[in-house]
Protein backbone atom coordinates (compact mmCIF):
# COMPACT_ATOMS: atom_id res chain seq x y z
CA UNK A 1 37.45 -34.92 -52.33
CA UNK A 2 39.65 -34.40 -49.55
CA UNK A 3 39.06 -32.61 -46.37
CA UNK A 4 42.16 -31.03 -45.46
CA UNK A 5 40.91 -30.25 -41.46
CA UNK A 6 39.07 -33.64 -40.99
CA UNK A 7 41.17 -34.52 -38.14
CA UNK A 8 40.89 -31.23 -36.48
CA UNK A 9 37.57 -32.00 -34.69
CA UNK A 10 34.92 -29.37 -35.19
CA UNK A 11 34.71 -25.85 -33.64
CA UNK A 12 36.98 -24.23 -30.82
CA UNK A 13 35.23 -21.58 -29.05
CA UNK A 14 37.50 -18.13 -28.69
CA UNK A 15 37.04 -15.21 -26.31
CA UNK A 16 33.05 -13.86 -26.26
CA UNK A 17 32.80 -10.31 -27.11
CA UNK A 18 29.32 -8.74 -27.99
CA UNK A 19 27.89 -9.59 -31.31
CA UNK A 20 28.25 -6.62 -34.17
CA UNK A 21 24.16 -5.65 -33.66
CA UNK A 22 21.82 -7.28 -36.21
CA UNK A 23 17.96 -7.11 -36.48
CA UNK A 24 18.37 -11.20 -37.34
CA UNK A 25 19.80 -11.66 -34.12
CA UNK A 26 17.72 -13.33 -31.04
CA UNK A 27 16.80 -10.80 -28.31
CA UNK A 28 18.75 -10.55 -25.22
CA UNK A 29 17.66 -12.75 -22.41
CA UNK A 30 20.33 -12.59 -19.85
CA UNK A 31 20.28 -11.16 -16.50
CA UNK A 32 18.94 -12.94 -12.94
CA UNK A 33 15.46 -13.34 -14.20
CA UNK A 34 16.50 -15.12 -16.70
CA UNK A 35 19.14 -17.05 -15.40
CA UNK A 36 19.43 -20.87 -16.10
CA UNK A 37 19.67 -23.01 -19.42
CA UNK A 38 18.77 -23.09 -22.12
CA UNK A 39 18.89 -19.54 -21.89
CA UNK A 40 17.72 -18.46 -25.30
CA UNK A 41 17.63 -19.57 -29.06
CA UNK A 42 20.64 -18.50 -30.80
CA UNK A 43 21.59 -16.34 -32.73
CA UNK A 44 18.22 -16.04 -34.24
CA UNK A 45 14.34 -15.84 -32.63
CA UNK A 46 12.64 -18.92 -31.93
CA UNK A 47 10.22 -18.35 -34.83
CA UNK A 48 13.16 -18.79 -37.29
CA UNK A 49 13.86 -22.57 -35.79
CA UNK A 50 10.17 -23.33 -35.60
CA UNK A 51 9.96 -22.12 -39.57
CA UNK A 52 13.18 -24.74 -40.05
CA UNK A 53 11.42 -27.60 -38.21
CA UNK A 54 8.35 -27.09 -39.85
CA UNK A 55 9.88 -27.00 -43.33
CA UNK A 56 11.86 -29.98 -42.49
CA UNK A 57 8.77 -32.07 -41.50
CA UNK A 58 7.15 -30.98 -44.94
CA UNK A 59 9.66 -32.43 -46.48
CA UNK A 60 9.49 -35.62 -44.31
CA UNK A 61 6.10 -35.83 -45.42
CA UNK A 62 4.98 -38.36 -42.19
CA UNK A 63 6.74 -40.90 -40.33
CA UNK A 64 8.94 -39.77 -37.11
CA UNK A 65 12.50 -38.25 -36.97
CA UNK A 66 15.03 -37.82 -34.06
CA UNK A 67 17.99 -35.43 -34.02
CA UNK A 68 20.59 -35.89 -30.86
CA UNK A 69 22.11 -32.68 -29.31
CA UNK A 70 25.89 -32.92 -28.13
CA UNK A 71 26.00 -35.43 -25.24
CA UNK A 72 28.45 -32.78 -23.22
CA UNK A 73 29.54 -29.41 -24.01
CA UNK A 74 33.31 -28.38 -23.47
CA UNK A 75 34.03 -27.06 -20.23
CA UNK A 76 30.29 -27.69 -18.91
CA UNK A 77 27.18 -26.70 -20.10
CA UNK A 78 26.68 -23.18 -20.40
CA UNK A 79 29.14 -21.90 -23.37
CA UNK A 80 26.66 -20.51 -25.76
CA UNK A 81 29.20 -20.58 -28.60
CA UNK A 82 30.79 -24.00 -28.46
CA UNK A 83 30.26 -27.62 -28.81
CA UNK A 84 26.48 -28.05 -29.71
CA UNK A 85 25.43 -30.74 -32.62
CA UNK A 86 25.21 -28.55 -35.67
CA UNK A 87 22.18 -30.41 -36.76
CA UNK A 88 20.55 -29.95 -33.78
CA UNK A 89 21.43 -26.45 -33.22
CA UNK A 90 20.26 -25.74 -36.88
CA UNK A 91 16.93 -26.94 -35.98
CA UNK A 92 16.45 -25.75 -32.18
CA UNK A 93 18.96 -22.63 -31.69
CA UNK A 94 19.59 -24.15 -28.56
CA UNK A 95 23.61 -24.03 -27.77
CA UNK A 96 23.60 -24.36 -23.76
CA UNK A 97 22.06 -27.47 -23.29
CA UNK A 98 23.79 -30.84 -23.59
CA UNK A 99 22.05 -34.35 -23.53
CA UNK A 100 18.92 -33.08 -25.58
CA UNK A 101 17.11 -34.18 -28.30
CA UNK A 102 14.68 -33.30 -30.88
CA UNK A 103 11.61 -35.70 -31.79
CA UNK A 104 9.71 -34.47 -35.18
CA UNK A 105 6.06 -36.51 -36.03
CA UNK A 106 4.54 -35.07 -39.06
CA UNK A 107 0.99 -36.17 -39.10
CA UNK A 108 -1.57 -34.76 -41.92
CA UNK A 109 -4.51 -35.70 -39.74
CA UNK A 110 -3.44 -34.42 -36.76
CA UNK A 111 -1.13 -31.75 -37.59
CA UNK A 112 2.75 -31.90 -37.11
CA UNK A 113 4.07 -32.53 -33.81
CA UNK A 114 7.82 -31.73 -32.51
CA UNK A 115 9.08 -32.34 -29.00
CA UNK A 116 12.02 -31.13 -27.28
CA UNK A 117 13.52 -33.56 -24.68
CA UNK A 118 15.96 -32.42 -22.28
CA UNK A 119 18.39 -34.27 -20.09
CA UNK A 120 17.77 -34.77 -16.16
CA UNK A 121 18.14 -32.08 -14.04
CA UNK A 122 21.12 -32.67 -11.61
CA UNK A 123 21.51 -30.43 -8.42
CA UNK A 124 25.30 -31.38 -8.21
CA UNK A 125 26.10 -30.42 -11.56
CA UNK A 126 23.98 -27.17 -11.21
CA UNK A 127 26.26 -25.95 -8.51
CA UNK A 128 29.16 -25.86 -10.65
CA UNK A 129 27.72 -24.75 -14.16
CA UNK A 130 24.41 -23.55 -13.29
CA UNK A 131 20.79 -24.40 -13.27
CA UNK A 132 18.99 -26.21 -15.79
CA UNK A 133 15.66 -25.30 -15.95
CA UNK A 134 12.81 -27.99 -15.07
CA UNK A 135 9.74 -28.52 -17.58
CA UNK A 136 7.23 -25.86 -17.26
CA UNK A 137 6.05 -22.60 -19.03
CA UNK A 138 9.55 -20.85 -18.62
CA UNK A 139 11.46 -23.59 -20.46
CA UNK A 140 8.94 -23.28 -23.44
CA UNK A 141 8.73 -19.66 -23.73
CA UNK A 142 12.67 -19.75 -24.00
CA UNK A 143 12.80 -22.69 -26.51
CA UNK A 144 9.66 -22.02 -28.79
CA UNK A 145 8.31 -25.41 -28.15
CA UNK A 146 4.94 -26.41 -26.82
CA UNK A 147 5.96 -29.91 -26.01
CA UNK A 148 9.16 -30.34 -23.78
CA UNK A 149 9.94 -33.46 -21.85
CA UNK A 150 12.94 -35.37 -20.20
CA UNK A 151 14.98 -37.51 -21.99
CA UNK A 152 13.63 -40.55 -19.73
CA UNK A 153 10.54 -40.44 -21.79
CA UNK A 154 12.64 -40.40 -25.46
CA UNK A 155 12.52 -44.29 -26.30
CA UNK A 156 8.76 -45.07 -25.43
CA UNK A 157 7.46 -41.73 -27.08
CA UNK A 158 9.49 -42.45 -30.29
CA UNK A 159 8.34 -45.92 -30.27
CA UNK A 160 4.88 -45.35 -29.77
CA UNK A 161 4.82 -42.33 -32.56
CA UNK A 162 6.77 -45.02 -35.17
CA UNK A 163 4.12 -47.73 -34.48
CA UNK A 164 1.60 -45.55 -35.24
CA UNK A 165 3.74 -43.78 -38.38
CA UNK A 166 5.15 -46.50 -39.77
CA UNK A 167 8.26 -45.00 -41.05
CA UNK A 168 11.43 -43.74 -38.99
CA UNK A 169 13.47 -41.37 -40.99
CA UNK A 170 17.24 -41.42 -40.58
CA UNK A 171 18.29 -37.44 -40.74
CA UNK A 172 22.05 -38.27 -40.33
CA UNK A 173 24.72 -37.79 -39.84
CA UNK A 174 25.93 -40.49 -41.81
CA UNK A 175 29.23 -41.98 -40.60
CA UNK A 176 31.97 -44.40 -41.59
CA UNK A 177 31.59 -47.92 -41.28
CA UNK A 178 34.19 -48.35 -38.60
CA UNK A 179 32.68 -45.37 -36.64
CA UNK A 180 30.41 -46.36 -33.76
CA UNK A 181 26.78 -47.09 -34.52
CA UNK A 182 24.93 -43.58 -34.21
CA UNK A 183 22.57 -43.81 -31.41
CA UNK A 184 19.66 -42.63 -33.55
CA UNK A 185 20.14 -46.04 -35.20
CA UNK A 186 20.62 -47.83 -32.40
CA UNK A 187 17.30 -46.99 -30.85
CA UNK A 188 15.57 -47.29 -34.53
CA UNK A 189 16.79 -51.05 -34.32
CA UNK A 190 15.33 -51.47 -31.14
CA UNK A 191 12.02 -50.35 -31.95
CA UNK A 192 12.02 -52.08 -35.29
CA UNK A 193 13.10 -55.44 -33.82
CA UNK A 194 9.79 -55.17 -31.82
CA UNK A 195 7.35 -53.52 -34.17
CA UNK A 196 6.98 -55.62 -37.12
CA UNK A 197 6.28 -53.34 -40.28
CA UNK A 198 8.12 -50.22 -38.80
CA UNK A 199 10.69 -49.42 -41.28
CA UNK A 200 13.87 -47.06 -41.30
CA UNK A 201 14.47 -44.78 -44.48
CA UNK A 202 17.66 -42.89 -45.08
CA UNK A 203 16.64 -39.38 -45.25
CA UNK A 204 19.95 -37.65 -44.31
CA UNK A 205 20.05 -35.26 -47.39
CA UNK A 206 17.02 -33.45 -46.06
CA UNK A 207 18.78 -31.64 -43.02
CA UNK A 208 21.96 -31.32 -45.62
CA UNK A 209 20.20 -29.68 -48.24
CA UNK A 210 18.35 -27.15 -45.99
CA UNK A 211 21.90 -26.07 -44.43
CA UNK A 212 23.55 -26.13 -47.86
CA UNK A 213 21.34 -23.47 -48.88
CA UNK A 214 21.93 -20.24 -46.78
CA UNK A 215 19.48 -18.13 -46.00
CA UNK A 216 19.90 -14.31 -45.73
CA UNK A 217 20.20 -13.93 -42.17
CA UNK A 218 22.88 -16.45 -42.22
CA UNK A 219 24.58 -14.72 -45.11
CA UNK A 220 24.78 -11.54 -43.18
CA UNK A 221 26.30 -13.66 -40.15
CA UNK A 222 28.99 -15.50 -42.32
CA UNK A 223 29.81 -11.80 -44.02
CA UNK A 224 30.42 -10.68 -40.45
CA UNK A 225 32.78 -13.28 -39.82
CA UNK A 226 34.43 -12.65 -43.04
CA UNK A 227 34.91 -8.94 -42.20
CA UNK A 228 36.51 -9.48 -38.66
CA UNK A 229 38.86 -12.36 -40.32
CA UNK A 230 39.91 -9.59 -42.94
CA UNK A 231 40.66 -7.22 -40.26
CA UNK A 232 42.83 -9.72 -38.29
CA UNK A 233 44.78 -10.29 -41.22
CA UNK A 234 45.32 -7.37 -42.68
CA UNK A 235 46.76 -6.48 -39.19
CA UNK A 236 48.86 -9.52 -39.26
CA UNK A 237 50.46 -8.10 -42.74
CA UNK A 238 50.80 -4.86 -41.26
CA UNK A 239 52.47 -5.65 -38.15
CA UNK A 240 54.49 -8.53 -38.89
CA UNK A 241 58.31 -8.51 -38.13
CA UNK A 242 61.45 -10.54 -38.69
CA UNK A 243 62.30 -12.51 -35.65
CA UNK A 244 58.81 -12.86 -34.17
CA UNK A 245 57.43 -16.14 -33.76
CA UNK A 246 54.07 -17.63 -35.47
CA UNK A 247 52.38 -17.35 -31.56
CA UNK A 248 52.94 -13.76 -31.67
CA UNK A 249 51.55 -13.15 -34.95
CA UNK A 250 48.67 -15.19 -34.49
CA UNK A 251 48.14 -13.08 -31.16
CA UNK A 252 48.01 -9.87 -33.44
CA UNK A 253 45.59 -11.48 -35.81
CA UNK A 254 43.34 -12.82 -33.50
CA UNK A 255 43.02 -9.45 -31.73
CA UNK A 256 42.06 -8.19 -34.88
CA UNK A 257 39.35 -10.62 -35.30
CA UNK A 258 37.81 -9.71 -31.55
CA UNK A 259 38.25 -5.76 -32.40
CA UNK A 260 36.13 -6.23 -35.59
CA UNK A 261 33.16 -7.75 -33.98
CA UNK A 262 34.28 -11.56 -33.97
CA UNK A 263 33.27 -13.50 -30.86
CA UNK A 264 35.36 -16.46 -31.32
CA UNK A 265 37.30 -18.92 -33.71
CA UNK A 266 35.56 -20.91 -36.29
CA UNK A 267 38.78 -23.21 -35.99
CA UNK A 268 42.06 -23.20 -34.16
CA UNK A 269 44.09 -20.45 -35.96
CA UNK A 270 47.22 -21.58 -38.33
CA UNK A 271 50.07 -19.34 -38.54
CA UNK A 272 53.25 -20.69 -40.12
CA UNK A 273 56.50 -19.70 -41.58
CA UNK A 274 59.26 -21.17 -43.62
CA UNK A 275 59.12 -24.83 -44.33
CA UNK A 276 55.83 -25.12 -42.04
CA UNK A 277 53.75 -23.56 -44.78
CA UNK A 278 54.30 -26.62 -46.93
CA UNK A 279 52.37 -28.66 -44.13
CA UNK A 280 48.45 -28.02 -44.15
CA UNK A 281 47.70 -29.39 -40.83
CA UNK A 282 50.51 -27.50 -39.06
CA UNK A 283 49.86 -26.83 -35.43
CA UNK A 284 52.91 -25.50 -34.21
CA UNK A 285 53.32 -21.85 -32.52
CA UNK A 286 56.89 -21.32 -31.94
CA UNK A 287 58.69 -21.18 -35.31
CA UNK A 288 60.64 -17.73 -35.61
CA UNK A 289 59.85 -15.84 -38.70
CA UNK A 290 62.94 -15.37 -40.78
CA UNK A 291 63.89 -12.84 -43.40
CA UNK A 292 63.07 -14.39 -46.99
CA UNK A 293 60.35 -16.94 -45.17
CA UNK A 294 56.93 -17.05 -46.78
CA UNK A 295 54.29 -16.92 -44.25
CA UNK A 296 50.57 -18.64 -44.58
CA UNK A 297 47.83 -17.83 -42.45
CA UNK A 298 44.82 -20.52 -42.42
CA UNK A 299 42.29 -18.47 -40.29
CA UNK A 300 38.42 -17.72 -39.63
CA UNK A 301 36.64 -15.94 -36.93
CA UNK A 302 33.19 -16.88 -36.37
CA UNK A 303 29.88 -14.67 -35.72
CA UNK A 304 26.94 -15.81 -33.98
CA UNK A 305 28.22 -19.44 -34.49
CA UNK A 306 28.65 -18.96 -38.27
CA UNK A 307 32.33 -19.09 -39.38
CA UNK A 308 34.88 -17.68 -42.13
CA UNK A 309 37.58 -19.79 -43.72
CA UNK A 310 40.61 -17.14 -45.67
CA UNK A 311 44.12 -18.07 -46.18
CA UNK A 312 46.74 -15.53 -47.23
CA UNK A 313 50.43 -16.16 -48.12
CA UNK A 314 52.84 -13.22 -47.93
CA UNK A 315 56.56 -12.79 -47.67
CA UNK A 316 57.93 -11.98 -44.10
CA UNK A 317 59.81 -9.10 -45.56
CA UNK A 318 57.19 -7.62 -47.44
CA UNK A 319 58.62 -8.60 -50.88
CA UNK A 320 58.46 -11.72 -52.69
CA UNK A 321 61.42 -13.26 -54.18
CA UNK A 322 61.05 -13.80 -58.12
CA UNK A 323 60.44 -17.77 -57.34
CA UNK A 324 57.76 -16.92 -54.87
CA UNK A 325 56.02 -14.54 -57.00
CA UNK A 326 55.70 -17.02 -59.89
CA UNK A 327 54.33 -19.61 -57.71
CA UNK A 328 51.96 -16.90 -56.15
CA UNK A 329 50.69 -15.99 -59.32
CA UNK A 330 50.00 -19.43 -60.52
CA UNK A 331 47.77 -20.36 -57.41
CA UNK A 332 46.23 -17.07 -58.04
CA UNK A 333 45.08 -17.72 -61.36
CA UNK A 334 43.97 -21.35 -60.66
CA UNK A 335 41.84 -19.83 -57.57
CA UNK A 336 40.41 -17.30 -60.21
CA UNK A 337 39.79 -20.23 -62.84
CA UNK A 338 37.71 -22.00 -60.22
CA UNK A 339 35.93 -19.47 -59.28
CA UNK A 340 34.94 -18.65 -62.88
CA UNK A 341 33.18 -22.06 -62.69
CA UNK A 342 30.91 -21.11 -60.22
CA UNK A 343 27.33 -21.49 -60.89
CA UNK A 344 24.20 -22.55 -59.94
CA UNK A 345 23.29 -25.71 -61.41
CA UNK A 346 27.02 -26.46 -61.98
CA UNK A 347 28.99 -28.96 -59.74
CA UNK A 348 31.74 -28.30 -57.57
CA UNK A 349 33.88 -30.85 -59.57
CA UNK A 350 33.99 -28.14 -62.53
CA UNK A 351 35.82 -25.60 -60.30
CA UNK A 352 38.13 -28.28 -59.00
CA UNK A 353 38.90 -29.45 -62.90
CA UNK A 354 39.54 -25.75 -63.89
CA UNK A 355 42.14 -25.24 -61.24
CA UNK A 356 43.67 -28.39 -61.31
CA UNK A 357 44.15 -27.86 -65.31
CA UNK A 358 45.77 -24.84 -64.76
CA UNK A 359 48.42 -25.91 -62.15
CA UNK A 360 48.94 -28.78 -64.13
CA UNK A 361 49.64 -26.81 -67.24
CA UNK A 362 52.29 -24.89 -65.24
CA UNK A 363 54.26 -27.91 -64.21
CA UNK A 364 53.13 -27.96 -60.65
CA UNK A 365 50.53 -31.00 -60.69
CA UNK A 366 52.12 -32.86 -58.26
CA UNK A 367 52.55 -30.25 -55.64
CA UNK A 368 48.71 -29.81 -55.63
CA UNK A 369 46.97 -32.55 -54.02
CA UNK A 370 43.92 -31.89 -51.89
CA UNK A 371 40.58 -30.86 -52.59
CA UNK A 372 39.86 -27.25 -53.97
CA UNK A 373 37.54 -26.44 -51.22
CA UNK A 374 34.41 -26.87 -49.18
CA UNK A 375 31.19 -25.33 -47.86
CA UNK A 376 31.27 -22.73 -44.81
CA UNK A 377 28.62 -22.15 -42.48
CA UNK A 378 27.65 -23.34 -38.66
CA UNK A 379 30.62 -25.52 -39.37
CA UNK A 380 33.85 -24.22 -40.99
CA UNK A 381 33.62 -27.64 -43.19
CA UNK A 382 29.67 -27.30 -43.56
CA UNK A 383 27.38 -30.10 -45.00
CA UNK A 384 27.33 -30.60 -48.68
CA UNK A 385 27.20 -32.90 -51.93
CA UNK A 386 29.81 -31.82 -54.25
CA UNK A 387 28.57 -34.41 -56.85
CA UNK A 388 25.30 -32.72 -57.24
CA UNK A 389 24.99 -29.36 -58.85
CA UNK A 390 25.37 -26.61 -56.58
CA UNK A 391 22.44 -24.58 -55.64
CA UNK A 392 22.15 -20.89 -55.35
CA UNK A 393 23.16 -19.29 -52.12
CA UNK A 394 25.49 -21.80 -51.13
CA UNK A 395 28.52 -20.43 -49.24
CA UNK A 396 32.03 -22.16 -49.92
CA UNK A 397 35.64 -21.76 -50.20
CA UNK A 398 38.19 -22.10 -53.27
CA UNK A 399 41.47 -22.62 -51.92
CA UNK A 400 44.25 -24.00 -54.26
CA UNK A 401 47.63 -24.25 -53.17
CA UNK A 402 51.47 -25.53 -54.45
CA UNK A 403 53.59 -27.11 -51.88
CA UNK A 404 57.38 -27.09 -52.33
CA UNK A 405 59.27 -28.39 -49.67
CA UNK A 406 62.36 -28.98 -51.47
CA UNK A 407 62.41 -25.16 -52.06
CA UNK A 408 61.24 -24.42 -48.13
CA UNK A 409 57.87 -22.66 -49.12
CA UNK A 410 54.35 -23.53 -49.64
CA UNK A 411 51.72 -21.03 -51.03
CA UNK A 412 47.81 -21.43 -50.87
CA UNK A 413 45.17 -18.83 -51.38
CA UNK A 414 41.47 -19.07 -50.00
CA UNK A 415 38.60 -17.07 -50.13
CA UNK A 416 34.96 -17.50 -49.68
CA UNK A 417 32.36 -17.27 -52.03
CA UNK A 418 28.63 -16.96 -52.38
CA UNK A 419 26.88 -19.09 -55.25
CA UNK A 420 24.43 -17.25 -57.33
CA UNK A 421 21.80 -18.12 -60.16
CA UNK A 422 24.30 -16.33 -62.63
CA UNK A 423 27.74 -16.81 -61.30
CA UNK A 424 29.23 -16.28 -57.69
CA UNK A 425 30.07 -13.53 -55.43
CA UNK A 426 33.56 -13.01 -54.06
CA UNK A 427 32.82 -12.58 -50.27
CA UNK A 428 36.29 -12.06 -48.80
CA UNK A 429 37.73 -9.08 -51.19
CA UNK A 430 38.51 -6.72 -47.95
CA UNK A 431 42.21 -8.11 -47.44
CA UNK A 432 44.37 -7.90 -50.37
CA UNK A 433 45.41 -11.17 -52.59
CA UNK A 434 47.15 -9.50 -55.46
CA UNK A 435 50.88 -9.89 -54.99
CA UNK A 436 51.60 -6.20 -55.72
CA UNK A 437 48.49 -5.17 -53.34
CA UNK A 438 50.12 -7.33 -50.64
CA UNK A 439 53.58 -5.56 -50.93
CA UNK A 440 51.80 -2.25 -50.94
CA UNK A 441 50.30 -2.63 -47.82
CA UNK A 442 53.04 -4.15 -45.89
CA UNK A 443 55.19 -1.22 -46.82
CA UNK A 444 52.34 0.66 -45.36
């Protein structure tokens, strides 16, 4: 299916505010006594990440597996909410180190072993961005790893373990043929060329499948991100005025995110008006809101690194025209038809077909030309295999749309859902999507 944000390029950090308190969050390790990176695991305690690594190694059943962290992080190396590799983050909880790697070596006889390898310390860099800890008890305590080495040991250690195990697991991520060769496969190829009989196996589904099924503590953070997003959208609906710019409306909305506990943005906020509502990747800010315009918000706060993703369309003057209401109600019915198909064991394609069938029957088939949705989690477009049956505790979006450039407006409604054994739960039900409820809210 088409990913309507495949060109946006990952997470964007917003202004950091204190998180909503939660027993699931890791302890605070800030202050002079804990200065330096890595500062702690985040947002959960180190034990949560040890449990995930143990589960992954059990699924591997032997061999070795390597996961690289981000090479660099935006604006230095100490922003705990931006830029880390999602798989590395999921397995370590370490957001504020760059150039690190995770090496896993399950072994039935000697017991599973796990290694964190961190980049060499650099005194010049440390003076600008903060101290990176040297190996020792302090870094092991903060990360939950008993074995912490420097990355200069990575190639030799991986080769030695692979020669003994005979199998190297490629844990992903999978990239397109035109993309550069992933560093993991580059290293594996060099090791295999020098160790006859050592093979690489494709195990990219292992982490993907773990991340797709959300833990209760993850669902809790996604729910908080949704509530913060809803607060910002509702504020925007109440305070929009004719003559405002898209940038001004966006500022109102993002203030609402922060005031409701959001600690950043899951992706750059999209606030569009008039003809711009027909462009899915609209990135402007300076359009002026006019009487008769539709406004489209496509936004998501995050909390603890977990993102929401909600879209709302509403009339700038608070009252739908007959044509706008007609199209809106078709999109809403398509969304409900798709959501009705959600259930553990059913593929997502069933929801896509149900929504498309309804829009086609209404005569707007050519005006809906993108995928119906995507998983959400650590990434706003989280990992998942839409060809396989959905597991329970998947969090995802449903977002049909109809885009009519010839009429000067488009409408997309996007909501977040939790797949259950018997159906689904509408998670983003805290801001109106019924047209009458939208008009009532805006009338105030």
